[in-house]
C-alpha atoms as a PDB file:
ATOM      1  CA  MET A   1     144.981  20.676 150.438  1.00  0.00           C
ATOM      2  CA  LYS A   2     145.452  22.364 147.059  1.00  0.00           C
ATOM      3  CA  THR A   3     142.210  20.813 145.827  1.00  0.00           C
ATOM      4  CA  LEU A   4     140.342  22.148 148.849  1.00  0.00           C
ATOM      5  CA  ILE A   5     141.770  25.622 148.283  1.00  0.00           C
ATOM      6  CA  ALA A   6     140.776  25.478 144.624  1.00  0.00           C
ATOM      7  CA  LEU A   7     137.205  24.500 145.484  1.00  0.00           C
ATOM      8  CA  LEU A   8     136.676  26.783 148.437  1.00  0.00           C
ATOM      9  CA  THR A   9     138.234  30.200 149.030  1.00  0.00           C
ATOM     10  CA  LEU A  10     136.975  33.092 151.045  1.00  0.00           C
ATOM     11  CA  VAL A  11     138.180  36.600 151.691  1.00  0.00           C
ATOM     12  CA  ALA A  12     136.753  39.101 154.158  1.00  0.00           C
ATOM     13  CA  LEU A  13     137.763  42.687 153.487  1.00  0.00           C
ATOM     14  CA  SER A  14     136.936  46.190 154.594  1.00  0.00           C
ATOM     15  CA  ALA A  15     135.578  48.132 151.661  1.00  0.00           C
ATOM     16  CA  SER A  16     137.818  50.970 150.620  1.00  0.00           C
ATOM     17  CA  GLY A  17     135.813  52.427 147.761  1.00  0.00           C
ATOM     18  CA  GLN A  18     132.294  53.259 146.716  1.00  0.00           C
ATOM     19  CA  THR A  19     129.452  51.177 148.097  1.00  0.00           C
ATOM     20  CA  ASP A  20     128.304  50.424 144.537  1.00  0.00           C
ATOM     21  CA  LYS A  21     131.739  49.299 143.357  1.00  0.00           C
ATOM     22  CA  PRO A  22     131.511  45.849 141.694  1.00  0.00           C
ATOM     23  CA  LEU A  23     132.566  42.825 143.716  1.00  0.00           C
ATOM     24  CA  LEU A  24     132.810  40.162 140.991  1.00  0.00           C
ATOM     25  CA  GLN A  25     131.482  41.695 137.786  1.00  0.00           C
ATOM     26  CA  GLU A  26     133.886  43.229 135.295  1.00  0.00           C
ATOM     27  CA  ARG A  27     131.273  45.649 133.956  1.00  0.00           C
ATOM     28  CA  ALA A  28     127.823  46.980 134.746  1.00  0.00           C
ATOM     29  CA  LEU A  29     125.088  44.430 134.077  1.00  0.00           C
ATOM     30  CA  PRO A  30     121.750  45.252 132.412  1.00  0.00           C
ATOM     31  CA  SER A  31     118.909  46.221 134.739  1.00  0.00           C
ATOM     32  CA  VAL A  32     116.340  43.440 135.169  1.00  0.00           C
ATOM     33  CA  ALA A  33     114.053  44.824 137.893  1.00  0.00           C
ATOM     34  CA  ALA A  34     113.800  47.930 140.046  1.00  0.00           C
ATOM     35  CA  PRO A  35     110.341  47.990 141.654  1.00  0.00           C
ATOM     36  CA  SER A  36     109.246  51.332 143.084  1.00  0.00           C
ATOM     37  CA  PHE A  37     107.327  49.671 145.939  1.00  0.00           C
ATOM     38  CA  LYS A  38     104.549  52.181 145.294  1.00  0.00           C
ATOM     39  CA  GLU A  39     102.248  49.574 143.790  1.00  0.00           C
ATOM     40  CA  PRO A  40     101.790  45.825 144.346  1.00  0.00           C
ATOM     41  CA  LEU A  41     104.500  43.556 142.971  1.00  0.00           C
ATOM     42  CA  ALA A  42     103.744  41.872 139.668  1.00  0.00           C
ATOM     43  CA  ALA A  43     105.299  39.042 137.659  1.00  0.00           C
ATOM     44  CA  PRO A  44     108.046  37.921 137.500  1.00  0.00           C
ATOM     45  CA  PHE A  45     107.933  38.446 141.297  1.00  0.00           C
ATOM     46  CA  SER A  46     106.021  35.734 143.140  1.00  0.00           C
ATOM     47  CA  THR A  47     105.219  35.446 146.855  1.00  0.00           C
ATOM     48  CA  ILE A  48     105.985  31.910 148.048  1.00  0.00           C
ATOM     49  CA  LYS A  49     105.719  32.220 151.829  1.00  0.00           C
ATOM     50  CA  GLY A  50     104.835  34.956 154.291  1.00  0.00           C
ATOM     51  CA  LYS A  51     103.273  38.340 153.651  1.00  0.00           C
ATOM     52  CA  TRP A  52     105.073  40.941 151.501  1.00  0.00           C
ATOM     53  CA  THR A  53     103.235  44.269 151.776  1.00  0.00           C
ATOM     54  CA  ILE A  54     104.003  47.426 149.819  1.00  0.00           C
ATOM     55  CA  GLU A  55     103.734  50.670 151.785  1.00  0.00           C
ATOM     56  CA  GLU A  56     104.966  54.002 150.386  1.00  0.00           C
ATOM     57  CA  GLY A  57     108.222  52.850 148.832  1.00  0.00           C
ATOM     58  CA  VAL A  58     108.944  50.143 151.401  1.00  0.00           C
ATOM     59  CA  MET A  59     108.243  46.414 151.273  1.00  0.00           C
ATOM     60  CA  LYS A  60     107.248  45.061 154.680  1.00  0.00           C
ATOM     61  CA  VAL A  61     107.878  41.369 155.288  1.00  0.00           C
ATOM     62  CA  THR A  62     105.753  39.562 157.871  1.00  0.00           C
ATOM     63  CA  ASN A  63     106.125  35.963 159.000  1.00  0.00           C
ATOM     64  CA  LEU A  64     102.983  33.808 159.057  1.00  0.00           C
ATOM     65  CA  PRO A  65     103.537  31.222 161.838  1.00  0.00           C
ATOM     66  CA  GLU A  66     100.950  28.817 160.435  1.00  0.00           C
ATOM     67  CA  GLU A  67     103.110  28.334 157.310  1.00  0.00           C
ATOM     68  CA  LYS A  68     106.001  27.025 159.443  1.00  0.00           C
ATOM     69  CA  HIS A  69     108.505  28.557 156.996  1.00  0.00           C
ATOM     70  CA  ILE A  70     110.180  31.933 156.833  1.00  0.00           C
ATOM     71  CA  PRO A  71     108.796  34.400 154.242  1.00  0.00           C
ATOM     72  CA  VAL A  72     110.142  33.899 150.701  1.00  0.00           C
ATOM     73  CA  LEU A  73     109.775  36.063 147.576  1.00  0.00           C
ATOM     74  CA  HIS A  74     110.877  34.680 144.188  1.00  0.00           C
ATOM     75  CA  HIS A  75     112.054  36.653 141.168  1.00  0.00           C
ATOM     76  CA  THR A  76     111.547  34.063 138.467  1.00  0.00           C
ATOM     77  CA  VAL A  77     114.282  35.108 136.031  1.00  0.00           C
ATOM     78  CA  GLY A  78     117.370  32.899 135.848  1.00  0.00           C
ATOM     79  CA  LEU A  79     120.582  34.923 135.849  1.00  0.00           C
ATOM     80  CA  ALA A  80     124.002  33.371 135.251  1.00  0.00           C
ATOM     81  CA  SER A  81     125.638  36.570 136.547  1.00  0.00           C
ATOM     82  CA  ALA A  82     123.781  38.922 138.839  1.00  0.00           C
ATOM     83  CA  VAL A  83     123.897  41.943 141.098  1.00  0.00           C
ATOM     84  CA  ILE A  84     121.142  42.395 143.686  1.00  0.00           C
ATOM     85  CA  GLU A  85     121.144  45.573 145.743  1.00  0.00           C
ATOM     86  CA  CYS A  86     118.777  46.752 148.450  1.00  0.00           C
ATOM     87  CA  GLU A  87     118.444  48.359 151.840  1.00  0.00           C
ATOM     88  CA  PHE A  88     116.856  46.442 154.709  1.00  0.00           C
ATOM     89  CA  ARG A  89     116.137  46.793 158.401  1.00  0.00           C
ATOM     90  CA  PHE A  90     115.315  44.353 161.161  1.00  0.00           C
ATOM     91  CA  ASP A  91     112.180  45.295 163.106  1.00  0.00           C
ATOM     92  CA  GLY A  92     112.077  41.879 164.750  1.00  0.00           C
ATOM     93  CA  PRO A  93     114.146  38.705 165.208  1.00  0.00           C
ATOM     94  CA  GLY A  94     115.390  36.485 162.414  1.00  0.00           C
ATOM     95  CA  PRO A  95     117.697  36.704 159.389  1.00  0.00           C
ATOM     96  CA  PHE A  96     117.579  38.398 155.993  1.00  0.00           C
ATOM     97  CA  LEU A  97     118.676  36.344 152.981  1.00  0.00           C
ATOM     98  CA  ILE A  98     119.291  36.759 149.260  1.00  0.00           C
ATOM     99  CA  GLY A  99     119.843  33.615 147.215  1.00  0.00           C
ATOM    100  CA  CYS A 100     119.527  31.811 143.911  1.00  0.00           C
ATOM    101  CA  ASP A 101     118.042  28.480 142.808  1.00  0.00           C
ATOM    102  CA  GLY A 102     118.330  26.095 139.916  1.00  0.00           C
ATOM    103  CA  THR A 103     116.311  22.893 140.062  1.00  0.00           C
ATOM    104  CA  LYS A 104     116.942  23.262 143.809  1.00  0.00           C
ATOM    105  CA  HIS A 105     118.707  25.794 146.038  1.00  0.00           C
ATOM    106  CA  VAL A 106     122.169  26.818 144.822  1.00  0.00           C
ATOM    107  CA  GLY A 107     123.572  29.505 147.104  1.00  0.00           C
ATOM    108  CA  ARG A 108     122.661  32.223 149.553  1.00  0.00           C
ATOM    109  CA  VAL A 109     123.894  35.241 151.457  1.00  0.00           C
ATOM    110  CA  VAL A 110     122.646  35.296 155.048  1.00  0.00           C
ATOM    111  CA  VAL A 111     122.582  38.331 157.331  1.00  0.00           C
ATOM    112  CA  THR A 112     121.892  37.954 161.040  1.00  0.00           C
ATOM    113  CA  ALA A 113     122.286  40.367 163.938  1.00  0.00           C
ATOM    114  CA  THR A 114     125.815  39.046 164.471  1.00  0.00           C
ATOM    115  CA  ALA A 115     127.239  37.947 161.098  1.00  0.00           C
ATOM    116  CA  LEU A 116     127.314  38.041 157.310  1.00  0.00           C
ATOM    117  CA  SER A 117     127.767  34.637 155.671  1.00  0.00           C
ATOM    118  CA  ILE A 118     127.694  32.855 152.306  1.00  0.00           C
ATOM    119  CA  ALA A 119     126.444  29.280 151.936  1.00  0.00           C
ATOM    120  CA  GLU A 120     126.114  26.724 149.153  1.00  0.00           C
ATOM    121  CA  ASP A 121     123.308  24.184 148.968  1.00  0.00           C
ATOM    122  CA  SER A 122     124.813  21.000 147.554  1.00  0.00           C
ATOM    123  CA  VAL A 123     124.045  19.463 150.951  1.00  0.00           C
ATOM    124  CA  ALA A 124     121.272  19.948 153.496  1.00  0.00           C
ATOM    125  CA  PRO A 125     121.377  21.908 155.658  1.00  0.00           C
ATOM    126  CA  SER A 126     123.288  24.579 153.724  1.00  0.00           C
ATOM    127  CA  HIS A 127     127.072  24.488 153.931  1.00  0.00           C
ATOM    128  CA  THR A 128     128.519  27.824 155.094  1.00  0.00           C
ATOM    129  CA  VAL A 129     131.640  28.560 153.053  1.00  0.00           C
ATOM    130  CA  ALA A 130     132.455  32.071 154.298  1.00  0.00           C
ATOM    131  CA  LYS A 131     131.515  34.021 157.420  1.00  0.00           C
ATOM    132  CA  LEU A 132     132.270  37.490 158.741  1.00  0.00           C
ATOM    133  CA  PRO A 133     131.281  38.323 162.334  1.00  0.00           C
ATOM    134  CA  LEU A 134     129.805  41.817 162.678  1.00  0.00           C
ATOM    135  CA  THR A 135     126.991  43.687 164.365  1.00  0.00           C
ATOM    136  CA  VAL A 136     123.816  44.455 162.404  1.00  0.00           C
ATOM    137  CA  LYS A 137     121.651  46.723 164.518  1.00  0.00           C
ATOM    138  CA  ALA A 138     117.875  46.462 164.581  1.00  0.00           C
ATOM    139  CA  GLU A 139     115.655  49.394 163.587  1.00  0.00           C
ATOM    140  CA  GLU A 140     118.396  50.857 161.360  1.00  0.00           C
ATOM    141  CA  TRP A 141     118.662  50.701 157.560  1.00  0.00           C
ATOM    142  CA  HIS A 142     121.530  48.631 156.170  1.00  0.00           C
ATOM    143  CA  GLN A 143     122.865  48.548 152.622  1.00  0.00           C
ATOM    144  CA  LEU A 144     123.438  45.131 151.026  1.00  0.00           C
ATOM    145  CA  ARG A 145     124.902  44.188 147.650  1.00  0.00           C
ATOM    146  CA  VAL A 146     125.025  40.558 146.520  1.00  0.00           C
ATOM    147  CA  GLU A 147     126.737  39.270 143.378  1.00  0.00           C
ATOM    148  CA  TRP A 148     127.305  35.898 141.754  1.00  0.00           C
ATOM    149  CA  LYS A 149     129.338  34.916 138.756  1.00  0.00           C
ATOM    150  CA  GLY A 150     130.543  31.452 137.750  1.00  0.00           C
ATOM    151  CA  ASP A 151     131.524  29.554 140.888  1.00  0.00           C
ATOM    152  CA  GLN A 152     131.764  32.696 143.021  1.00  0.00           C
ATOM    153  CA  MET A 153     129.395  34.609 145.271  1.00  0.00           C
ATOM    154  CA  ALA A 154     130.116  37.851 147.116  1.00  0.00           C
ATOM    155  CA  ALA A 155     128.377  40.343 149.369  1.00  0.00           C
ATOM    156  CA  ARG A 156     128.948  43.822 150.742  1.00  0.00           C
ATOM    157  CA  LEU A 157     127.071  44.869 153.866  1.00  0.00           C
ATOM    158  CA  ASP A 158     127.513  48.455 155.051  1.00  0.00           C
ATOM    159  CA  GLY A 159     130.999  48.538 153.500  1.00  0.00           C
ATOM    160  CA  GLN A 160     132.139  45.141 154.793  1.00  0.00           C
ATOM    161  CA  GLU A 161     132.894  42.594 152.053  1.00  0.00           C
ATOM    162  CA  LEU A 162     132.782  38.808 151.948  1.00  0.00           C
ATOM    163  CA  ARG A 163     133.596  36.488 149.033  1.00  0.00           C
ATOM    164  CA  ALA A 164     133.434  32.747 148.496  1.00  0.00           C
ATOM    165  CA  ARG A 165     134.147  30.211 145.771  1.00  0.00           C
ATOM    166  CA  HIS A 166     132.636  26.736 145.523  1.00  0.00           C
ATOM    167  CA  GLU A 167     132.052  24.563 142.466  1.00  0.00           C
ATOM    168  CA  TYR A 168     128.347  24.118 143.276  1.00  0.00           C
ATOM    169  CA  LEU A 169     127.743  27.871 143.032  1.00  0.00           C
ATOM    170  CA  ALA A 170     128.302  27.522 139.267  1.00  0.00           C
ATOM    171  CA  SER A 171     125.064  25.489 138.943  1.00  0.00           C
ATOM    172  CA  PRO A 172     122.585  26.907 136.368  1.00  0.00           C
ATOM    173  CA  LYS A 173     120.205  29.462 137.914  1.00  0.00           C
ATOM    174  CA  ALA A 174     116.419  29.529 137.386  1.00  0.00           C
ATOM    175  CA  ARG A 175     115.526  32.340 139.798  1.00  0.00           C
ATOM    176  CA  SER A 176     116.694  34.578 142.619  1.00  0.00           C
ATOM    177  CA  TRP A 177     114.919  35.117 145.917  1.00  0.00           C
ATOM    178  CA  LEU A 178     114.636  37.128 149.100  1.00  0.00           C
ATOM    179  CA  ALA A 179     113.783  35.587 152.452  1.00  0.00           C
ATOM    180  CA  ALA A 180     113.423  37.047 155.910  1.00  0.00           C
ATOM    181  CA  GLY A 181     112.629  36.397 159.523  1.00  0.00           C
ATOM    182  CA  GLN A 182     109.982  38.381 161.366  1.00  0.00           C
ATOM    183  CA  ASN A 183     109.130  41.993 160.570  1.00  0.00           C
ATOM    184  CA  VAL A 184     111.869  42.918 158.106  1.00  0.00           C
ATOM    185  CA  LYS A 185     111.565  45.933 155.794  1.00  0.00           C
ATOM    186  CA  VAL A 186     113.178  46.312 152.348  1.00  0.00           C
ATOM    187  CA  ARG A 187     113.545  49.333 150.053  1.00  0.00           C
ATOM    188  CA  ASN A 188     115.483  50.389 146.943  1.00  0.00           C
ATOM    189  CA  LEU A 189     115.636  46.867 145.517  1.00  0.00           C
ATOM    190  CA  LYS A 190     117.527  46.609 142.223  1.00  0.00           C
ATOM    191  CA  ILE A 191     118.270  43.439 140.262  1.00  0.00           C
ATOM    192  CA  SER A 192     120.734  43.451 137.375  1.00  0.00           C
ATOM    193  CA  GLY A 193     122.128  40.517 135.451  1.00  0.00           C
ATOM    194  CA  GLU A 194     122.602  38.412 132.400  1.00  0.00           C
ATOM    195  CA  PRO A 195     120.832  35.144 131.576  1.00  0.00           C
ATOM    196  CA  ALA A 196     122.744  31.984 130.819  1.00  0.00           C
ATOM    197  CA  ALA A 197     123.763  31.529 127.182  1.00  0.00           C
ATOM    198  CA  ALA A 198     121.202  29.571 125.223  1.00  0.00           C
ATOM    199  CA  LYS A 199     122.186  26.005 124.407  1.00  0.00           C
ATOM    200  CA  PRO A 200     122.741  25.356 120.662  1.00  0.00           C
END
């Protein structure tokens, strides 16, 4: 039982401070990307699936059914510690996700109309390690902050916080990513973080 607790802990809290208050980080991390969404995305962003369209400060995400995979956008910078902030809205069914990969998927935060959850990817399908039931209304903007550090991942959605710890979340990171269901919009995306220490 103690081993299980050491490997996997989760805490769901109501936020009592500022929406930009750190969840896991002990200090502010350097800015890595803050696209204006006034011009097309450039490297190190890379569209993997779906259609990601820039329109007057907003990124519109559209599912392409023929791809048989939800839309995915990579940011190809590996960050050992990271903070990803954005606002999003559902204009159609499906989830909104922020995650990180190494040689394969490592971890993800998943937002649906009914819950906020954190999953790790040492197994397939993903293993949910923390979940907070809540209501995420369509056609309204929601504020999301995602952080990872070591073997921990955390998220704050509209002031509601969720944290998880799992040994697999400490896997080396090669990139971060956004993914979405149908007709999701994103704005005010900011990525901050620090790369892994170089090996001697």
